[in-house]
Amino acid sequence: METSKMSDGEVITLNVGGRIYTTTLETLTRYPDSALGSMFSNRLPSSLDKNNNYFIDRDGPLFRYVLNFLRSSHLFLPDDFKELDLLADEADFYGIPELIQAVTREREAPKNDRALNVELRMYSQKRTGVHSDWTIFGNPDVLLKLSDSPTHFLGEHKMSENGEKLHRPWHMGFVNCRDGTSKYQPQPELTKQMIFKEIWKLGYRLRYICDSVSELLPVDVRVRSTVHLNEAKTWVFHTTKS
């Protein structure tokens, strides 16, 4: 079925494998070259169920994580999530490279004491510009040291319940003004230099890098230049300590 011309803010109801979701056209077309972007720009056919909801014959419960990724450009999973292989299939079906990479990072997150996996997610806000979310995977004891750094470089952050993932988002913070009113303002941006410096202090050295589309590559395979490091979205550090 061909969709009629709709505005970005128009509300759309989806039936994904029997599970009903409500969202907007703007969210569904955030990645124009994805399956959803193509479906709702009439480049792919769409179907309706008996209640005139757009129907997608895929895993209904897992679409929750796909939709939240479309909304925030970040993959949020419960600590006890055990369906990464199935979610990888869904990400592949919807054809969202950024989601595929996020799922891959979750599957490859280091589970040993010798590695730290640092992931960067960039996104933009119309009024406040480009911002960054940081996620660091690793041994709970090491992440706790980063979290409790005397320099407080992380600012406001969150540790997963199992202690193996540390997330530091950019967000608006609530502050009080001198005139008695309140307003929102961003916490300071966290840079690669700030994170790498603290990781270096703990005895870790950079071993692999990855951009948004390639595999993890040893740093000695790539040209060691600022350009390549700036293009990377994932950095893997290994400890020099035995």
C-alpha atoms as a PDB file:
ATOM      1  CA  MET A   1       0.000   0.000   0.000  1.00  0.00           C
ATOM      2  CA  GLU A   2       1.290   3.488  -0.879  1.00  0.00           C
ATOM      3  CA  THR A   3       1.377   5.948   2.023  1.00  0.00           C
ATOM      4  CA  SER A   4      -0.118   9.382   1.452  1.00  0.00           C
ATOM      5  CA  LYS A   5       2.011  12.453   2.006  1.00  0.00           C
ATOM      6  CA  MET A   6       2.361  13.035   5.753  1.00  0.00           C
ATOM      7  CA  SER A   7       4.019  15.660   7.919  1.00  0.00           C
ATOM      8  CA  ASP A   8       6.994  14.806  10.125  1.00  0.00           C
ATOM      9  CA  GLY A   9       4.988  15.241  13.320  1.00  0.00           C
ATOM     10  CA  GLU A  10       2.134  13.003  12.232  1.00  0.00           C
ATOM     11  CA  VAL A  11       1.363  10.181  14.669  1.00  0.00           C
ATOM     12  CA  ILE A  12       1.638   6.657  13.252  1.00  0.00           C
ATOM     13  CA  THR A  13       0.498   3.380  14.793  1.00  0.00           C
ATOM     14  CA  LEU A  14       2.415   0.205  13.965  1.00  0.00           C
ATOM     15  CA  ASN A  15       1.518  -3.427  14.450  1.00  0.00           C
ATOM     16  CA  VAL A  16       4.848  -5.264  14.703  1.00  0.00           C
ATOM     17  CA  GLY A  17       4.262  -8.995  15.021  1.00  0.00           C
ATOM     18  CA  GLY A  18       1.074  -8.369  17.006  1.00  0.00           C
ATOM     19  CA  ARG A  19       2.600  -5.727  19.316  1.00  0.00           C
ATOM     20  CA  ILE A  20       1.195  -2.194  18.898  1.00  0.00           C
ATOM     21  CA  TYR A  21       3.503   0.835  18.893  1.00  0.00           C
ATOM     22  CA  THR A  22       2.741   4.533  18.457  1.00  0.00           C
ATOM     23  CA  THR A  23       5.345   7.001  17.193  1.00  0.00           C
ATOM     24  CA  THR A  24       5.814   9.780  14.629  1.00  0.00           C
ATOM     25  CA  LEU A  25       6.820   9.871  10.996  1.00  0.00           C
ATOM     26  CA  GLU A  26       9.897  11.903  11.924  1.00  0.00           C
ATOM     27  CA  THR A  27      11.123   9.109  14.218  1.00  0.00           C
ATOM     28  CA  LEU A  28      10.471   6.340  11.690  1.00  0.00           C
ATOM     29  CA  THR A  29      12.317   8.196   8.919  1.00  0.00           C
ATOM     30  CA  ARG A  30      15.284   9.346  11.040  1.00  0.00           C
ATOM     31  CA  TYR A  31      17.492   7.035   8.972  1.00  0.00           C
ATOM     32  CA  PRO A  32      16.160   7.660   5.427  1.00  0.00           C
ATOM     33  CA  ASP A  33      17.980   4.718   3.803  1.00  0.00           C
ATOM     34  CA  SER A  34      16.682   2.169   6.320  1.00  0.00           C
ATOM     35  CA  ALA A  35      13.760  -0.185   5.654  1.00  0.00           C
ATOM     36  CA  LEU A  36      11.460   1.996   7.747  1.00  0.00           C
ATOM     37  CA  GLY A  37      12.697   5.157   6.058  1.00  0.00           C
ATOM     38  CA  SER A  38      12.002   3.590   2.677  1.00  0.00           C
ATOM     39  CA  MET A  39       8.591   2.243   3.739  1.00  0.00           C
ATOM     40  CA  PHE A  40       7.332   5.614   4.909  1.00  0.00           C
ATOM     41  CA  SER A  41       8.691   7.502   1.915  1.00  0.00           C
ATOM     42  CA  ASN A  42       6.882   5.136  -0.509  1.00  0.00           C
ATOM     43  CA  ARG A  43      10.079   3.449  -1.726  1.00  0.00           C
ATOM     44  CA  LEU A  44       8.975   0.135  -0.204  1.00  0.00           C
ATOM     45  CA  PRO A  45       5.425  -1.247  -0.067  1.00  0.00           C
ATOM     46  CA  SER A  46       3.544  -1.227   3.237  1.00  0.00           C
ATOM     47  CA  SER A  47       0.596  -3.249   4.562  1.00  0.00           C
ATOM     48  CA  LEU A  48      -2.274  -2.478   6.933  1.00  0.00           C
ATOM     49  CA  ASP A  49      -3.937  -4.740   9.479  1.00  0.00           C
ATOM     50  CA  LYS A  50      -7.720  -4.881   9.980  1.00  0.00           C
ATOM     51  CA  ASN A  51      -7.534  -1.813  12.259  1.00  0.00           C
ATOM     52  CA  ASN A  52      -5.614   0.227   9.656  1.00  0.00           C
ATOM     53  CA  ASN A  53      -2.353   0.024  11.605  1.00  0.00           C
ATOM     54  CA  TYR A  54       0.785  -0.317   9.512  1.00  0.00           C
ATOM     55  CA  PHE A  55       1.785  -3.975   9.784  1.00  0.00           C
ATOM     56  CA  ILE A  56       5.355  -5.314   9.948  1.00  0.00           C
ATOM     57  CA  ASP A  57       5.818  -9.083  10.211  1.00  0.00           C
ATOM     58  CA  ARG A  58       8.789  -9.023  12.594  1.00  0.00           C
ATOM     59  CA  ASP A  59       9.549  -9.664  16.279  1.00  0.00           C
ATOM     60  CA  GLY A  60       7.153  -7.434  18.232  1.00  0.00           C
ATOM     61  CA  PRO A  61       8.837  -7.262  21.660  1.00  0.00           C
ATOM     62  CA  LEU A  62      12.304  -6.603  20.181  1.00  0.00           C
ATOM     63  CA  PHE A  63      10.996  -3.687  18.119  1.00  0.00           C
ATOM     64  CA  ARG A  64      10.884  -1.761  21.401  1.00  0.00           C
ATOM     65  CA  TYR A  65      14.679  -1.475  21.306  1.00  0.00           C
ATOM     66  CA  VAL A  66      14.697  -0.551  17.624  1.00  0.00           C
ATOM     67  CA  LEU A  67      12.163   2.218  18.204  1.00  0.00           C
ATOM     68  CA  ASN A  68      14.004   3.589  21.233  1.00  0.00           C
ATOM     69  CA  PHE A  69      17.179   3.670  19.150  1.00  0.00           C
ATOM     70  CA  LEU A  70      15.358   5.675  16.477  1.00  0.00           C
ATOM     71  CA  ARG A  71      14.232   8.112  19.152  1.00  0.00           C
ATOM     72  CA  SER A  72      17.558   8.602  20.917  1.00  0.00           C
ATOM     73  CA  SER A  73      20.299   7.204  18.619  1.00  0.00           C
ATOM     74  CA  HIS A  74      21.448   5.098  21.573  1.00  0.00           C
ATOM     75  CA  LEU A  75      20.903   1.421  22.342  1.00  0.00           C
ATOM     76  CA  PHE A  76      19.447   0.944  25.810  1.00  0.00           C
ATOM     77  CA  LEU A  77      19.239  -2.681  26.977  1.00  0.00           C
ATOM     78  CA  PRO A  78      18.479  -4.210  30.388  1.00  0.00           C
ATOM     79  CA  ASP A  79      21.511  -5.622  32.182  1.00  0.00           C
ATOM     80  CA  ASP A  80      20.159  -9.185  31.936  1.00  0.00           C
ATOM     81  CA  PHE A  81      19.313  -8.936  28.209  1.00  0.00           C
ATOM     82  CA  LYS A  82      19.962 -12.319  26.553  1.00  0.00           C
ATOM     83  CA  GLU A  83      18.635 -11.877  23.000  1.00  0.00           C
ATOM     84  CA  LEU A  84      21.483 -10.046  21.290  1.00  0.00           C
ATOM     85  CA  ASP A  85      21.602 -12.549  18.431  1.00  0.00           C
ATOM     86  CA  LEU A  86      17.903 -12.022  17.716  1.00  0.00           C
ATOM     87  CA  LEU A  87      18.275  -8.252  18.047  1.00  0.00           C
ATOM     88  CA  ALA A  88      21.173  -8.381  15.576  1.00  0.00           C
ATOM     89  CA  ASP A  89      18.845 -10.059  13.069  1.00  0.00           C
ATOM     90  CA  GLU A  90      16.246  -7.321  13.605  1.00  0.00           C
ATOM     91  CA  ALA A  91      18.838  -4.575  13.178  1.00  0.00           C
ATOM     92  CA  ASP A  92      19.994  -6.197   9.965  1.00  0.00           C
ATOM     93  CA  PHE A  93      16.417  -6.454   8.655  1.00  0.00           C
ATOM     94  CA  TYR A  94      15.672  -2.789   9.348  1.00  0.00           C
ATOM     95  CA  GLY A  95      18.947  -1.832   7.703  1.00  0.00           C
ATOM     96  CA  ILE A  96      20.132   0.737  10.233  1.00  0.00           C
ATOM     97  CA  PRO A  97      23.977   0.677  10.164  1.00  0.00           C
ATOM     98  CA  GLU A  98      24.294   2.641  13.408  1.00  0.00           C
ATOM     99  CA  LEU A  99      22.042   0.164  15.234  1.00  0.00           C
ATOM    100  CA  ILE A 100      23.920  -2.782  13.722  1.00  0.00           C
ATOM    101  CA  GLN A 101      27.165  -1.322  15.061  1.00  0.00           C
ATOM    102  CA  ALA A 102      25.650  -0.700  18.506  1.00  0.00           C
ATOM    103  CA  VAL A 103      24.431  -4.306  18.748  1.00  0.00           C
ATOM    104  CA  THR A 104      27.825  -5.552  17.570  1.00  0.00           C
ATOM    105  CA  ARG A 105      29.546  -3.517  20.278  1.00  0.00           C
ATOM    106  CA  GLU A 106      27.235  -5.043  22.896  1.00  0.00           C
ATOM    107  CA  ARG A 107      28.008  -8.564  21.636  1.00  0.00           C
ATOM    108  CA  GLU A 108      31.749  -7.914  21.630  1.00  0.00           C
ATOM    109  CA  ALA A 109      31.896  -6.016  24.912  1.00  0.00           C
ATOM    110  CA  PRO A 110      34.992  -7.239  26.771  1.00  0.00           C
ATOM    111  CA  LYS A 111      34.382  -9.579  29.682  1.00  0.00           C
ATOM    112  CA  ASN A 112      37.919  -9.694  31.063  1.00  0.00           C
ATOM    113  CA  ASP A 113      40.159  -7.602  33.270  1.00  0.00           C
ATOM    114  CA  ARG A 114      42.571  -6.637  30.499  1.00  0.00           C
ATOM    115  CA  ALA A 115      40.333  -4.660  28.129  1.00  0.00           C
ATOM    116  CA  LEU A 116      38.295  -1.451  28.111  1.00  0.00           C
ATOM    117  CA  ASN A 117      35.952  -0.810  25.193  1.00  0.00           C
ATOM    118  CA  VAL A 118      35.157   2.898  24.750  1.00  0.00           C
ATOM    119  CA  GLU A 119      32.214   3.777  22.484  1.00  0.00           C
ATOM    120  CA  LEU A 120      31.231   7.250  21.252  1.00  0.00           C
ATOM    121  CA  ARG A 121      27.793   8.195  19.917  1.00  0.00           C
ATOM    122  CA  MET A 122      27.437  11.625  18.295  1.00  0.00           C
ATOM    123  CA  TYR A 123      24.072  13.298  17.763  1.00  0.00           C
ATOM    124  CA  SER A 124      22.761  16.801  17.182  1.00  0.00           C
ATOM    125  CA  GLN A 125      20.087  18.980  18.720  1.00  0.00           C
ATOM    126  CA  LYS A 126      18.586  21.826  16.724  1.00  0.00           C
ATOM    127  CA  ARG A 127      19.014  24.392  19.495  1.00  0.00           C
ATOM    128  CA  THR A 128      22.160  23.208  21.241  1.00  0.00           C
ATOM    129  CA  GLY A 129      24.335  21.722  18.486  1.00  0.00           C
ATOM    130  CA  VAL A 130      26.324  18.477  18.331  1.00  0.00           C
ATOM    131  CA  HIS A 131      26.768  16.438  21.508  1.00  0.00           C
ATOM    132  CA  SER A 132      28.287  13.129  22.545  1.00  0.00           C
ATOM    133  CA  ASP A 133      27.274  10.095  24.588  1.00  0.00           C
ATOM    134  CA  TRP A 134      30.039   7.888  25.964  1.00  0.00           C
ATOM    135  CA  THR A 135      29.783   4.234  26.998  1.00  0.00           C
ATOM    136  CA  ILE A 136      32.697   2.287  28.474  1.00  0.00           C
ATOM    137  CA  PHE A 137      32.624  -1.517  28.837  1.00  0.00           C
ATOM    138  CA  GLY A 138      35.043  -3.409  31.045  1.00  0.00           C
ATOM    139  CA  ASN A 139      35.871  -4.935  34.399  1.00  0.00           C
ATOM    140  CA  PRO A 140      33.678  -3.502  37.218  1.00  0.00           C
ATOM    141  CA  ASP A 141      36.665  -2.673  39.435  1.00  0.00           C
ATOM    142  CA  VAL A 142      38.342  -0.683  36.655  1.00  0.00           C
ATOM    143  CA  LEU A 143      35.148   1.155  35.732  1.00  0.00           C
ATOM    144  CA  LEU A 144      34.625   2.029  39.372  1.00  0.00           C
ATOM    145  CA  LYS A 145      38.056   3.657  39.429  1.00  0.00           C
ATOM    146  CA  LEU A 146      37.130   5.739  36.404  1.00  0.00           C
ATOM    147  CA  SER A 147      33.803   6.604  37.998  1.00  0.00           C
ATOM    148  CA  ASP A 148      35.493   7.736  41.232  1.00  0.00           C
ATOM    149  CA  SER A 149      38.337   9.623  39.533  1.00  0.00           C
ATOM    150  CA  PRO A 150      39.608  12.521  41.716  1.00  0.00           C
ATOM    151  CA  THR A 151      39.274  14.818  38.685  1.00  0.00           C
ATOM    152  CA  HIS A 152      35.519  14.088  38.392  1.00  0.00           C
ATOM    153  CA  PHE A 153      36.003  14.181  34.632  1.00  0.00           C
ATOM    154  CA  LEU A 154      32.890  12.101  33.915  1.00  0.00           C
ATOM    155  CA  GLY A 155      30.411  14.500  35.461  1.00  0.00           C
ATOM    156  CA  GLU A 156      26.956  12.953  35.874  1.00  0.00           C
ATOM    157  CA  HIS A 157      27.013   9.315  34.755  1.00  0.00           C
ATOM    158  CA  LYS A 158      25.403   5.926  35.350  1.00  0.00           C
ATOM    159  CA  MET A 159      26.862   2.492  36.076  1.00  0.00           C
ATOM    160  CA  SER A 160      24.984  -0.646  35.014  1.00  0.00           C
ATOM    161  CA  GLU A 161      23.770  -2.929  37.792  1.00  0.00           C
ATOM    162  CA  ASN A 162      26.377  -5.582  37.011  1.00  0.00           C
ATOM    163  CA  GLY A 163      29.106  -2.929  36.961  1.00  0.00           C
ATOM    164  CA  GLU A 164      30.381  -3.877  33.491  1.00  0.00           C
ATOM    165  CA  LYS A 165      29.070  -0.808  31.632  1.00  0.00           C
ATOM    166  CA  LEU A 166      29.480   2.871  32.432  1.00  0.00           C
ATOM    167  CA  HIS A 167      27.387   5.429  30.524  1.00  0.00           C
ATOM    168  CA  ARG A 168      27.980   9.165  30.490  1.00  0.00           C
ATOM    169  CA  PRO A 169      25.319  10.978  28.426  1.00  0.00           C
ATOM    170  CA  TRP A 170      25.094  14.574  27.404  1.00  0.00           C
ATOM    171  CA  HIS A 171      21.933  15.992  28.909  1.00  0.00           C
ATOM    172  CA  MET A 172      20.402  19.160  30.222  1.00  0.00           C
ATOM    173  CA  GLY A 173      21.027  19.736  33.917  1.00  0.00           C
ATOM    174  CA  PHE A 174      18.644  21.562  36.269  1.00  0.00           C
ATOM    175  CA  VAL A 175      20.224  24.617  37.959  1.00  0.00           C
ATOM    176  CA  ASN A 176      18.994  27.515  40.087  1.00  0.00           C
ATOM    177  CA  CYS A 177      19.559  31.103  38.953  1.00  0.00           C
ATOM    178  CA  ARG A 178      20.389  34.131  41.102  1.00  0.00           C
ATOM    179  CA  ASP A 179      16.971  35.661  40.509  1.00  0.00           C
ATOM    180  CA  GLY A 180      15.269  32.655  42.072  1.00  0.00           C
ATOM    181  CA  THR A 181      14.175  31.068  38.804  1.00  0.00           C
ATOM    182  CA  SER A 182      15.407  27.777  37.400  1.00  0.00           C
ATOM    183  CA  LYS A 183      16.701  26.788  34.001  1.00  0.00           C
ATOM    184  CA  TYR A 184      18.262  23.895  32.150  1.00  0.00           C
ATOM    185  CA  GLN A 185      21.859  23.950  31.017  1.00  0.00           C
ATOM    186  CA  PRO A 186      24.204  21.255  29.657  1.00  0.00           C
ATOM    187  CA  GLN A 187      26.883  19.686  31.771  1.00  0.00           C
ATOM    188  CA  PRO A 188      30.392  20.190  30.328  1.00  0.00           C
ATOM    189  CA  GLU A 189      31.248  18.181  27.226  1.00  0.00           C
ATOM    190  CA  LEU A 190      33.444  15.120  27.718  1.00  0.00           C
ATOM    191  CA  THR A 191      36.272  14.871  25.176  1.00  0.00           C
ATOM    192  CA  LYS A 192      38.368  11.943  23.939  1.00  0.00           C
ATOM    193  CA  GLN A 193      41.428  13.568  25.463  1.00  0.00           C
ATOM    194  CA  MET A 194      39.819  13.639  28.909  1.00  0.00           C
ATOM    195  CA  ILE A 195      38.760   9.983  28.774  1.00  0.00           C
ATOM    196  CA  PHE A 196      42.003   8.710  27.256  1.00  0.00           C
ATOM    197  CA  LYS A 197      44.087  10.556  29.852  1.00  0.00           C
ATOM    198  CA  GLU A 198      42.274   8.882  32.743  1.00  0.00           C
ATOM    199  CA  ILE A 199      42.439   5.463  31.077  1.00  0.00           C
ATOM    200  CA  TRP A 200      46.166   5.973  30.458  1.00  0.00           C
ATOM    201  CA  LYS A 201      46.664   6.656  34.180  1.00  0.00           C
ATOM    202  CA  LEU A 202      45.222   3.208  34.951  1.00  0.00           C
ATOM    203  CA  GLY A 203      47.870   1.522  32.808  1.00  0.00           C
ATOM    204  CA  TYR A 204      45.821   0.951  29.643  1.00  0.00           C
ATOM    205  CA  ARG A 205      47.091   1.598  26.110  1.00  0.00           C
ATOM    206  CA  LEU A 206      45.178   1.896  22.842  1.00  0.00           C
ATOM    207  CA  ARG A 207      45.236  -1.340  20.806  1.00  0.00           C
ATOM    208  CA  TYR A 208      42.280  -1.214  18.368  1.00  0.00           C
ATOM    209  CA  ILE A 209      40.099   1.409  16.713  1.00  0.00           C
ATOM    210  CA  CYS A 210      36.920   1.241  14.645  1.00  0.00           C
ATOM    211  CA  ASP A 211      34.882   3.791  12.696  1.00  0.00           C
ATOM    212  CA  SER A 212      31.130   3.521  12.130  1.00  0.00           C
ATOM    213  CA  VAL A 213      31.360   0.954   9.337  1.00  0.00           C
ATOM    214  CA  SER A 214      34.554  -1.102   9.596  1.00  0.00           C
ATOM    215  CA  GLU A 215      35.781  -3.930  11.804  1.00  0.00           C
ATOM    216  CA  LEU A 216      38.019  -3.403  14.793  1.00  0.00           C
ATOM    217  CA  LEU A 217      41.558  -2.963  13.501  1.00  0.00           C
ATOM    218  CA  PRO A 218      44.869  -3.004  15.381  1.00  0.00           C
ATOM    219  CA  VAL A 219      46.293   0.507  15.613  1.00  0.00           C
ATOM    220  CA  ASP A 220      49.502  -0.624  13.904  1.00  0.00           C
ATOM    221  CA  VAL A 221      47.471  -1.501  10.768  1.00  0.00           C
ATOM    222  CA  ARG A 222      46.174   2.035  10.321  1.00  0.00           C
ATOM    223  CA  VAL A 223      48.164   5.199   9.779  1.00  0.00           C
ATOM    224  CA  ARG A 224      48.650   6.738  13.179  1.00  0.00           C
ATOM    225  CA  SER A 225      47.230  10.177  12.461  1.00  0.00           C
ATOM    226  CA  THR A 226      44.832  12.569  14.148  1.00  0.00           C
ATOM    227  CA  VAL A 227      42.489  12.196  11.190  1.00  0.00           C
ATOM    228  CA  HIS A 228      42.036   8.445  11.673  1.00  0.00           C
ATOM    229  CA  LEU A 229      41.640   8.769  15.433  1.00  0.00           C
ATOM    230  CA  ASN A 230      39.008  11.465  14.981  1.00  0.00           C
ATOM    231  CA  GLU A 231      37.075   9.257  12.551  1.00  0.00           C
ATOM    232  CA  ALA A 232      36.954   6.390  15.040  1.00  0.00           C
ATOM    233  CA  LYS A 233      33.804   5.677  17.046  1.00  0.00           C
ATOM    234  CA  THR A 234      35.172   2.816  19.149  1.00  0.00           C
ATOM    235  CA  TRP A 235      38.520   2.466  20.912  1.00  0.00           C
ATOM    236  CA  VAL A 236      39.740  -0.703  22.651  1.00  0.00           C
ATOM    237  CA  PHE A 237      42.417  -0.373  25.334  1.00  0.00           C
ATOM    238  CA  HIS A 238      44.407  -3.217  26.875  1.00  0.00           C
ATOM    239  CA  THR A 239      46.203  -2.991  30.178  1.00  0.00           C
ATOM    240  CA  THR A 240      50.000  -3.039  30.266  1.00  0.00           C
ATOM    241  CA  LYS A 241      49.907  -4.555  33.732  1.00  0.00           C
ATOM    242  CA  SER A 242      50.223  -8.293  34.216  1.00  0.00           C
END
